[in-house]
Amino acid sequence: MRIRTIKPMFYKNEILAEFPALTRLLFTGLWGLADRCGRMEYRPKFIKVEILPYDNCDIEKMLADLAKKDFVRIYERRGKKIIWIVNFEKHQRISGKEAESDSELPAYREADVKQSGSNGEALGSAGREGKGREGKGREDNTVKAEALLLLWNELRGNLPEAQKLTRTRKDKCALRLKERSLEEWKQVISKIAASSFCQGGGATGWKASFDWLIASEDNHVKVMEGKYDDRTTGNGAAYIPGKYARIAERKGRQEPEGQEPEGLENIPKENPTL
């Protein structure tokens, strides 16, 4: 159990007031079981032992009732059944080592919901505690960021897998997703996977990574402009810009900059990537 905050307005919430007292107590107890993103595994027996060990009650029904009013959402992802407390991140202030951690459970997505009776609105909409729009926006950012990470892992070819959506990655993904839609990012990653240079074929063996992809707007723009596309020399041999890679390595960056590599003049001018 973790220490959580309960706000005075909780006791005056008219929607919560419709529940029996034990259900309201269960709801507050869930906060202590949830991780920093408001998620936990759906384990009714474990939840009962942790929150209401001395009471004769039906935890599964109580959780279902909370889901019907959209205080929680129950869904399945990657073979796990998960509870997400809607607007948890809006109302809780996480500190210490927990603030530096990230959820090990996948975020909620509309396509994955397995519950019934939820109207799909976030806690905090009309008649509920607080303003739900901000909390819903943050959760939407997490869902989209996770979708971008999954796209990378599905289309990356032989490049390193991105194993975890850290807070830093989530923030950067939120910026990048304002610049391109997920469908456009699919094209970007596909071009990276088809690039010999991005796949490690340059002089230094540098490979593109998920962190490089989301580091700045410049990187994905250059990918779509064809800066990393495979090219051929005048004799038809494959040309990989090794000098670009050396410049990138020296600057501690993973993007080719500066002087054009030697031999570029041998690439046919009709090549549409130039």
Foldseek 3Di string as FASTA:
>chain_A
DADWDDDPCLVVQPVLVVDPPVLSQLLVLQLRVAALQQKDFPDQVVSCCRRPVPDDDDSVVSVLVCVLAAQWFWFDDPRTIMIGGFCSNVRTDDDDPSVQDDDPDQADDPVTGDHPNHPPDTAQPPSGPHHRPVSVVLSVLSNQLVLLLVLCQVQQAPADRDDDCGPVSSVLSSVVCVVDPSVVSNVLNNLLNQFCQQCQNAPVRHHDDSCLVSVDPVVSVCSVLLVRHWFAFLVGHIDGQNVQCVVCVVVVHRGGDDDGGPRPVRTDPVPSSD
